[in-house]
All heavy atoms as atom14 arrays in JSON, in Angstrom:
{
  "sequence": "AFKPFVYYAALASGHYTPDSYVSDSPVSYRDGSGWYS",
  "atom14_mask": [
    [1, 1, 1, 1, 1, 0, 0, 0, 0, 0, 0, 0, 0, 0],
    [1, 1, 1, 1, 1, 1, 1, 1, 1, 1, 1, 0, 0, 0],
    [1, 1, 1, 1, 1, 1, 1, 1, 1, 0, 0, 0, 0, 0],
    [1, 1, 1, 1, 1, 1, 1, 0, 0, 0, 0, 0, 0, 0],
    [1, 1, 1, 1, 1, 1, 1, 1, 1, 1, 1, 0, 0, 0],
    [1, 1, 1, 1, 1, 1, 1, 0, 0, 0, 0, 0, 0, 0],
    [1, 1, 1, 1, 1, 1, 1, 1, 1, 1, 1, 1, 0, 0],
    [1, 1, 1, 1, 1, 1, 1, 1, 1, 1, 1, 1, 0, 0],
    [1, 1, 1, 1, 1, 0, 0, 0, 0, 0, 0, 0, 0, 0],
    [1, 1, 1, 1, 1, 0, 0, 0, 0, 0, 0, 0, 0, 0],
    [1, 1, 1, 1, 1, 1, 1, 1, 0, 0, 0, 0, 0, 0],
    [1, 1, 1, 1, 1, 0, 0, 0, 0, 0, 0, 0, 0, 0],
    [1, 1, 1, 1, 1, 1, 0, 0, 0, 0, 0, 0, 0, 0],
    [1, 1, 1, 1, 0, 0, 0, 0, 0, 0, 0, 0, 0, 0],
    [1, 1, 1, 1, 1, 1, 1, 1, 1, 1, 0, 0, 0, 0],
    [1, 1, 1, 1, 1, 1, 1, 1, 1, 1, 1, 1, 0, 0],
    [1, 1, 1, 1, 1, 1, 1, 0, 0, 0, 0, 0, 0, 0],
    [1, 1, 1, 1, 1, 1, 1, 0, 0, 0, 0, 0, 0, 0],
    [1, 1, 1, 1, 1, 1, 1, 1, 0, 0, 0, 0, 0, 0],
    [1, 1, 1, 1, 1, 1, 0, 0, 0, 0, 0, 0, 0, 0],
    [1, 1, 1, 1, 1, 1, 1, 1, 1, 1, 1, 1, 0, 0],
    [1, 1, 1, 1, 1, 1, 1, 0, 0, 0, 0, 0, 0, 0],
    [1, 1, 1, 1, 1, 1, 0, 0, 0, 0, 0, 0, 0, 0],
    [1, 1, 1, 1, 1, 1, 1, 1, 0, 0, 0, 0, 0, 0],
    [1, 1, 1, 1, 1, 1, 0, 0, 0, 0, 0, 0, 0, 0],
    [1, 1, 1, 1, 1, 1, 1, 0, 0, 0, 0, 0, 0, 0],
    [1, 1, 1, 1, 1, 1, 1, 0, 0, 0, 0, 0, 0, 0],
    [1, 1, 1, 1, 1, 1, 0, 0, 0, 0, 0, 0, 0, 0],
    [1, 1, 1, 1, 1, 1, 1, 1, 1, 1, 1, 1, 0, 0],
    [1, 1, 1, 1, 1, 1, 1, 1, 1, 1, 1, 0, 0, 0],
    [1, 1, 1, 1, 1, 1, 1, 1, 0, 0, 0, 0, 0, 0],
    [1, 1, 1, 1, 0, 0, 0, 0, 0, 0, 0, 0, 0, 0],
    [1, 1, 1, 1, 1, 1, 0, 0, 0, 0, 0, 0, 0, 0],
    [1, 1, 1, 1, 0, 0, 0, 0, 0, 0, 0, 0, 0, 0],
    [1, 1, 1, 1, 1, 1, 1, 1, 1, 1, 1, 1, 1, 1],
    [1, 1, 1, 1, 1, 1, 1, 1, 1, 1, 1, 1, 0, 0],
    [1, 1, 1, 1, 1, 1, 0, 0, 0, 0, 0, 0, 0, 0]
  ],
  "atom14_positions": [
    [[7.25, -17.04, -12.78], [6.53, -16.94, -11.51], [6.03, -18.33, -10.98], [5.67, -18.42, -9.84], [5.34, -15.99, -11.59], [0.0, 0.0, 0.0], [0.0, 0.0, 0.0], [0.0, 0.0, 0.0], [0.0, 0.0, 0.0], [0.0, 0.0, 0.0], [0.0, 0.0, 0.0], [0.0, 0.0, 0.0], [0.0, 0.0, 0.0], [0.0, 0.0, 0.0]],
    [[6.16, -19.32, -11.87], [5.74, -20.67, -11.46], [6.93, -21.41, -10.75], [6.75, -22.3, -10.01], [5.41, -21.49, -12.71], [4.81, -22.88, -12.39], [3.48, -23.03, -12.16], [5.69, -24.01, -12.33], [2.95, -24.27, -11.84], [5.15, -25.22, -12.04], [3.79, -25.37, -11.81], [0.0, 0.0, 0.0], [0.0, 0.0, 0.0], [0.0, 0.0, 0.0]],
    [[8.16, -20.88, -10.9], [9.34, -21.63, -10.41], [9.35, -21.83, -8.84], [9.81, -22.88, -8.46], [10.6, -20.83, -10.77], [10.91, -20.89, -12.27], [12.08, -20.05, -12.69], [12.36, -20.02, -14.17], [13.39, -19.1, -14.54], [0.0, 0.0, 0.0], [0.0, 0.0, 0.0], [0.0, 0.0, 0.0], [0.0, 0.0, 0.0], [0.0, 0.0, 0.0]],
    [[8.78, -20.91, -8.06], [8.73, -21.21, -6.62], [8.08, -22.48, -6.24], [8.45, -23.12, -5.27], [8.02, -19.95, -6.04], [8.35, -18.86, -6.97], [8.38, -19.53, -8.31], [0.0, 0.0, 0.0], [0.0, 0.0, 0.0], [0.0, 0.0, 0.0], [0.0, 0.0, 0.0], [0.0, 0.0, 0.0], [0.0, 0.0, 0.0], [0.0, 0.0, 0.0]],
    [[7.12, -22.96, -7.0], [6.5, -24.26, -6.72], [7.45, -25.36, -6.9], [7.44, -26.35, -6.12], [5.25, -24.46, -7.62], [4.23, -23.34, -7.57], [3.86, -22.71, -8.72], [3.73, -22.93, -6.34], [2.93, -21.65, -8.69], [2.82, -21.87, -6.3], [2.4, -21.29, -7.47], [0.0, 0.0, 0.0], [0.0, 0.0, 0.0], [0.0, 0.0, 0.0]],
    [[8.33, -25.23, -7.9], [9.34, -26.29, -8.1], [10.38, -26.28, -7.01], [10.8, -27.31, -6.44], [9.99, -26.09, -9.49], [11.09, -27.13, -9.74], [8.95, -26.11, -10.6], [0.0, 0.0, 0.0], [0.0, 0.0, 0.0], [0.0, 0.0, 0.0], [0.0, 0.0, 0.0], [0.0, 0.0, 0.0], [0.0, 0.0, 0.0], [0.0, 0.0, 0.0]],
    [[10.87, -25.02, -6.66], [11.87, -24.92, -5.63], [11.36, -25.36, -4.28], [12.12, -25.96, -3.52], [12.33, -23.44, -5.56], [13.36, -23.14, -6.59], [13.01, -22.83, -7.93], [14.76, -23.19, -6.32], [13.95, -22.49, -8.88], [15.7, -22.91, -7.32], [15.31, -22.53, -8.55], [16.23, -22.26, -9.53], [0.0, 0.0, 0.0], [0.0, 0.0, 0.0]],
    [[10.09, -25.09, -3.99], [9.55, -25.61, -2.76], [9.55, -27.13, -2.76], [9.91, -27.75, -1.74], [8.08, -25.11, -2.53], [7.42, -25.9, -1.39], [7.7, -25.62, -0.07], [6.68, -27.03, -1.7], [7.2, -26.33, 0.93], [6.12, -27.82, -0.65], [6.39, -27.45, 0.67], [5.93, -28.22, 1.67], [0.0, 0.0, 0.0], [0.0, 0.0, 0.0]],
    [[9.22, -27.7, -3.85], [9.19, -29.2, -3.89], [10.65, -29.78, -3.62], [10.77, -30.79, -2.92], [8.76, -29.67, -5.29], [0.0, 0.0, 0.0], [0.0, 0.0, 0.0], [0.0, 0.0, 0.0], [0.0, 0.0, 0.0], [0.0, 0.0, 0.0], [0.0, 0.0, 0.0], [0.0, 0.0, 0.0], [0.0, 0.0, 0.0], [0.0, 0.0, 0.0]],
    [[11.59, -29.04, -4.14], [12.99, -29.53, -3.94], [13.33, -29.45, -2.46], [13.96, -30.29, -1.83], [13.93, -28.75, -4.76], [0.0, 0.0, 0.0], [0.0, 0.0, 0.0], [0.0, 0.0, 0.0], [0.0, 0.0, 0.0], [0.0, 0.0, 0.0], [0.0, 0.0, 0.0], [0.0, 0.0, 0.0], [0.0, 0.0, 0.0], [0.0, 0.0, 0.0]],
    [[13.02, -28.25, -1.84], [13.3, -28.02, -0.4], [12.58, -29.02, 0.46], [13.09, -29.53, 1.45], [12.96, -26.6, -0.03], [13.8, -25.49, -0.69], [13.09, -24.1, -0.49], [15.23, -25.48, -0.17], [0.0, 0.0, 0.0], [0.0, 0.0, 0.0], [0.0, 0.0, 0.0], [0.0, 0.0, 0.0], [0.0, 0.0, 0.0], [0.0, 0.0, 0.0]],
    [[11.33, -29.23, 0.13], [10.49, -30.14, 0.92], [10.91, -31.6, 0.87], [10.57, -32.41, 1.7], [8.98, -29.99, 0.56], [0.0, 0.0, 0.0], [0.0, 0.0, 0.0], [0.0, 0.0, 0.0], [0.0, 0.0, 0.0], [0.0, 0.0, 0.0], [0.0, 0.0, 0.0], [0.0, 0.0, 0.0], [0.0, 0.0, 0.0], [0.0, 0.0, 0.0]],
    [[11.67, -31.94, -0.18], [12.18, -33.3, -0.33], [13.18, -33.67, 0.71], [13.47, -34.88, 0.88], [12.71, -33.53, -1.75], [13.96, -32.82, -1.9], [0.0, 0.0, 0.0], [0.0, 0.0, 0.0], [0.0, 0.0, 0.0], [0.0, 0.0, 0.0], [0.0, 0.0, 0.0], [0.0, 0.0, 0.0], [0.0, 0.0, 0.0], [0.0, 0.0, 0.0]],
    [[13.78, -32.62, 1.29], [14.83, -32.87, 2.27], [16.25, -33.0, 1.7], [17.2, -33.08, 2.4], [0.0, 0.0, 0.0], [0.0, 0.0, 0.0], [0.0, 0.0, 0.0], [0.0, 0.0, 0.0], [0.0, 0.0, 0.0], [0.0, 0.0, 0.0], [0.0, 0.0, 0.0], [0.0, 0.0, 0.0], [0.0, 0.0, 0.0], [0.0, 0.0, 0.0]],
    [[16.33, -33.07, 0.31], [17.61, -33.24, -0.34], [18.31, -31.88, -0.61], [19.51, -31.89, -0.96], [17.38, -33.98, -1.63], [16.98, -35.41, -1.47], [17.86, -36.39, -1.1], [15.77, -35.97, -1.66], [17.19, -37.53, -1.04], [15.93, -37.33, -1.33], [0.0, 0.0, 0.0], [0.0, 0.0, 0.0], [0.0, 0.0, 0.0], [0.0, 0.0, 0.0]],
    [[17.6, -30.8, -0.45], [18.15, -29.44, -0.79], [17.91, -28.48, 0.29], [16.92, -28.54, 1.01], [17.56, -28.95, -2.11], [17.81, -29.79, -3.32], [16.97, -30.82, -3.71], [18.93, -29.54, -4.04], [17.16, -31.58, -4.81], [19.19, -30.31, -5.23], [18.31, -31.31, -5.58], [18.53, -32.03, -6.71], [0.0, 0.0, 0.0], [0.0, 0.0, 0.0]],
    [[18.83, -27.5, 0.39], [18.68, -26.28, 1.16], [18.82, -25.1, 0.2], [19.26, -25.3, -0.92], [19.77, -26.24, 2.26], [21.02, -25.94, 1.68], [19.78, -27.54, 3.1], [0.0, 0.0, 0.0], [0.0, 0.0, 0.0], [0.0, 0.0, 0.0], [0.0, 0.0, 0.0], [0.0, 0.0, 0.0], [0.0, 0.0, 0.0], [0.0, 0.0, 0.0]],
    [[18.62, -23.84, 0.66], [18.82, -22.72, -0.23], [20.27, -22.61, -0.74], [20.49, -22.03, -1.81], [18.41, -21.54, 0.63], [17.42, -22.07, 1.61], [17.88, -23.49, 1.86], [0.0, 0.0, 0.0], [0.0, 0.0, 0.0], [0.0, 0.0, 0.0], [0.0, 0.0, 0.0], [0.0, 0.0, 0.0], [0.0, 0.0, 0.0], [0.0, 0.0, 0.0]],
    [[21.2, -23.2, -0.02], [22.63, -23.06, -0.39], [23.11, -24.32, -1.15], [24.3, -24.34, -1.51], [23.48, -22.87, 0.84], [23.16, -21.59, 1.59], [22.85, -20.63, 0.86], [23.1, -21.57, 2.83], [0.0, 0.0, 0.0], [0.0, 0.0, 0.0], [0.0, 0.0, 0.0], [0.0, 0.0, 0.0], [0.0, 0.0, 0.0], [0.0, 0.0, 0.0]],
    [[22.26, -25.27, -1.3], [22.64, -26.4, -2.16], [22.9, -26.03, -3.62], [22.3, -25.01, -4.09], [21.55, -27.48, -2.13], [21.35, -27.97, -0.85], [0.0, 0.0, 0.0], [0.0, 0.0, 0.0], [0.0, 0.0, 0.0], [0.0, 0.0, 0.0], [0.0, 0.0, 0.0], [0.0, 0.0, 0.0], [0.0, 0.0, 0.0], [0.0, 0.0, 0.0]],
    [[23.79, -26.76, -4.26], [24.16, -26.44, -5.62], [23.37, -27.23, -6.69], [23.03, -28.43, -6.43], [25.7, -26.62, -5.91], [26.45, -25.42, -5.48], [26.74, -25.14, -4.13], [26.95, -24.55, -6.42], [27.4, -24.02, -3.75], [27.67, -23.42, -6.11], [27.91, -23.13, -4.75], [28.6, -22.03, -4.4], [0.0, 0.0, 0.0], [0.0, 0.0, 0.0]],
    [[23.1, -26.61, -7.79], [22.42, -27.23, -8.88], [23.1, -26.8, -10.18], [23.65, -25.7, -10.24], [20.92, -26.8, -8.96], [20.76, -25.3, -9.15], [20.13, -27.53, -10.08], [0.0, 0.0, 0.0], [0.0, 0.0, 0.0], [0.0, 0.0, 0.0], [0.0, 0.0, 0.0], [0.0, 0.0, 0.0], [0.0, 0.0, 0.0], [0.0, 0.0, 0.0]],
    [[23.19, -27.72, -11.09], [23.9, -27.46, -12.32], [23.15, -26.6, -13.31], [22.03, -26.86, -13.64], [24.26, -28.75, -13.0], [24.94, -28.53, -14.17], [0.0, 0.0, 0.0], [0.0, 0.0, 0.0], [0.0, 0.0, 0.0], [0.0, 0.0, 0.0], [0.0, 0.0, 0.0], [0.0, 0.0, 0.0], [0.0, 0.0, 0.0], [0.0, 0.0, 0.0]],
    [[23.82, -25.49, -13.73], [23.29, -24.61, -14.8], [24.12, -24.85, -16.03], [25.07, -24.05, -16.32], [23.3, -23.18, -14.32], [22.73, -22.24, -15.36], [22.11, -22.74, -16.39], [22.81, -21.0, -15.21], [0.0, 0.0, 0.0], [0.0, 0.0, 0.0], [0.0, 0.0, 0.0], [0.0, 0.0, 0.0], [0.0, 0.0, 0.0], [0.0, 0.0, 0.0]],
    [[23.87, -25.92, -16.7], [24.67, -26.33, -17.86], [23.74, -26.92, -18.96], [22.62, -27.34, -18.6], [25.77, -27.31, -17.48], [25.18, -28.48, -16.85], [0.0, 0.0, 0.0], [0.0, 0.0, 0.0], [0.0, 0.0, 0.0], [0.0, 0.0, 0.0], [0.0, 0.0, 0.0], [0.0, 0.0, 0.0], [0.0, 0.0, 0.0], [0.0, 0.0, 0.0]],
    [[24.21, -27.0, -20.2], [23.35, -27.54, -21.27], [22.83, -28.9, -20.91], [23.54, -29.76, -20.41], [24.24, -27.48, -22.45], [25.26, -26.43, -22.2], [25.5, -26.55, -20.69], [0.0, 0.0, 0.0], [0.0, 0.0, 0.0], [0.0, 0.0, 0.0], [0.0, 0.0, 0.0], [0.0, 0.0, 0.0], [0.0, 0.0, 0.0], [0.0, 0.0, 0.0]],
    [[21.56, -29.11, -21.23], [20.94, -30.39, -21.02], [19.87, -30.6, -21.98], [19.21, -29.63, -22.43], [20.48, -30.56, -19.56], [19.34, -29.6, -19.29], [20.06, -31.97, -19.24], [0.0, 0.0, 0.0], [0.0, 0.0, 0.0], [0.0, 0.0, 0.0], [0.0, 0.0, 0.0], [0.0, 0.0, 0.0], [0.0, 0.0, 0.0], [0.0, 0.0, 0.0]],
    [[19.54, -31.86, -22.4], [18.4, -32.15, -23.27], [17.62, -33.31, -22.71], [18.16, -34.17, -22.09], [18.86, -32.5, -24.67], [19.63, -31.39, -25.26], [0.0, 0.0, 0.0], [0.0, 0.0, 0.0], [0.0, 0.0, 0.0], [0.0, 0.0, 0.0], [0.0, 0.0, 0.0], [0.0, 0.0, 0.0], [0.0, 0.0, 0.0], [0.0, 0.0, 0.0]],
    [[16.29, -33.24, -22.91], [15.39, -34.27, -22.4], [14.54, -34.74, -23.52], [14.07, -33.96, -24.42], [14.54, -33.75, -21.26], [15.32, -33.29, -20.02], [15.62, -31.94, -19.79], [15.69, -34.22, -19.09], [16.31, -31.54, -18.74], [16.38, -33.79, -17.98], [16.68, -32.48, -17.82], [17.4, -32.07, -16.66], [0.0, 0.0, 0.0], [0.0, 0.0, 0.0]],
    [[14.29, -36.08, -23.5], [13.37, -36.62, -24.45], [11.91, -36.25, -24.02], [11.52, -36.62, -22.88], [13.5, -38.14, -24.51], [12.62, -38.85, -25.49], [13.22, -38.74, -26.92], [12.44, -39.46, -27.9], [12.8, -39.61, -29.16], [13.93, -39.07, -29.53], [12.04, -40.19, -30.0], [0.0, 0.0, 0.0], [0.0, 0.0, 0.0], [0.0, 0.0, 0.0]],
    [[11.2, -35.5, -24.79], [9.86, -34.98, -24.39], [8.94, -35.15, -25.53], [9.04, -34.5, -26.57], [10.01, -33.51, -23.99], [8.76, -33.06, -23.29], [8.08, -33.8, -22.63], [8.41, -31.81, -23.46], [0.0, 0.0, 0.0], [0.0, 0.0, 0.0], [0.0, 0.0, 0.0], [0.0, 0.0, 0.0], [0.0, 0.0, 0.0], [0.0, 0.0, 0.0]],
    [[7.99, -36.09, -25.32], [6.98, -36.3, -26.42], [7.64, -36.96, -27.61], [8.24, -38.0, -27.49], [0.0, 0.0, 0.0], [0.0, 0.0, 0.0], [0.0, 0.0, 0.0], [0.0, 0.0, 0.0], [0.0, 0.0, 0.0], [0.0, 0.0, 0.0], [0.0, 0.0, 0.0], [0.0, 0.0, 0.0], [0.0, 0.0, 0.0], [0.0, 0.0, 0.0]],
    [[7.53, -36.28, -28.74], [8.05, -36.84, -29.97], [9.41, -36.47, -30.31], [9.99, -36.82, -31.38], [7.11, -36.52, -31.14], [7.04, -35.07, -31.27], [0.0, 0.0, 0.0], [0.0, 0.0, 0.0], [0.0, 0.0, 0.0], [0.0, 0.0, 0.0], [0.0, 0.0, 0.0], [0.0, 0.0, 0.0], [0.0, 0.0, 0.0], [0.0, 0.0, 0.0]],
    [[10.02, -35.53, -29.5], [11.38, -35.02, -29.81], [12.2, -34.75, -28.54], [11.85, -35.16, -27.45], [0.0, 0.0, 0.0], [0.0, 0.0, 0.0], [0.0, 0.0, 0.0], [0.0, 0.0, 0.0], [0.0, 0.0, 0.0], [0.0, 0.0, 0.0], [0.0, 0.0, 0.0], [0.0, 0.0, 0.0], [0.0, 0.0, 0.0], [0.0, 0.0, 0.0]],
    [[13.23, -33.96, -28.77], [14.11, -33.57, -27.71], [13.87, -32.13, -27.28], [13.61, -31.28, -28.1], [15.58, -33.69, -28.11], [16.01, -35.17, -28.21], [15.94, -35.94, -29.3], [16.54, -35.92, -27.17], [16.37, -37.2, -29.05], [16.76, -37.28, -27.72], [16.87, -35.71, -25.83], [17.28, -38.29, -26.98], [17.36, -36.75, -25.09], [17.61, -38.06, -25.68]],
    [[13.95, -31.85, -25.97], [13.7, -30.54, -25.41], [15.0, -30.06, -24.76], [15.55, -30.71, -23.82], [12.56, -30.54, -24.43], [12.32, -29.25, -23.67], [12.0, -28.11, -24.35], [12.51, -29.18, -22.31], [11.78, -26.85, -23.68], [12.31, -27.96, -21.63], [12.01, -26.88, -22.32], [11.78, -25.62, -21.67], [0.0, 0.0, 0.0], [0.0, 0.0, 0.0]],
    [[15.55, -28.97, -25.21], [16.78, -28.39, -24.67], [16.54, -27.0, -24.05], [16.49, -26.01, -24.84], [17.86, -28.36, -25.72], [18.07, -29.6, -26.35], [0.0, 0.0, 0.0], [0.0, 0.0, 0.0], [0.0, 0.0, 0.0], [0.0, 0.0, 0.0], [0.0, 0.0, 0.0], [0.0, 0.0, 0.0], [0.0, 0.0, 0.0], [0.0, 0.0, 0.0]]
  ]
}
């Protein structure tokens, strides 16, 4: 239920519309002391 705040931020940036594409594929991020996937 928190996700709409993120999606609004993307829309308000001007770089995205509701029909813009985003990748739904494996990804990992360095977060704190380890990796977050």
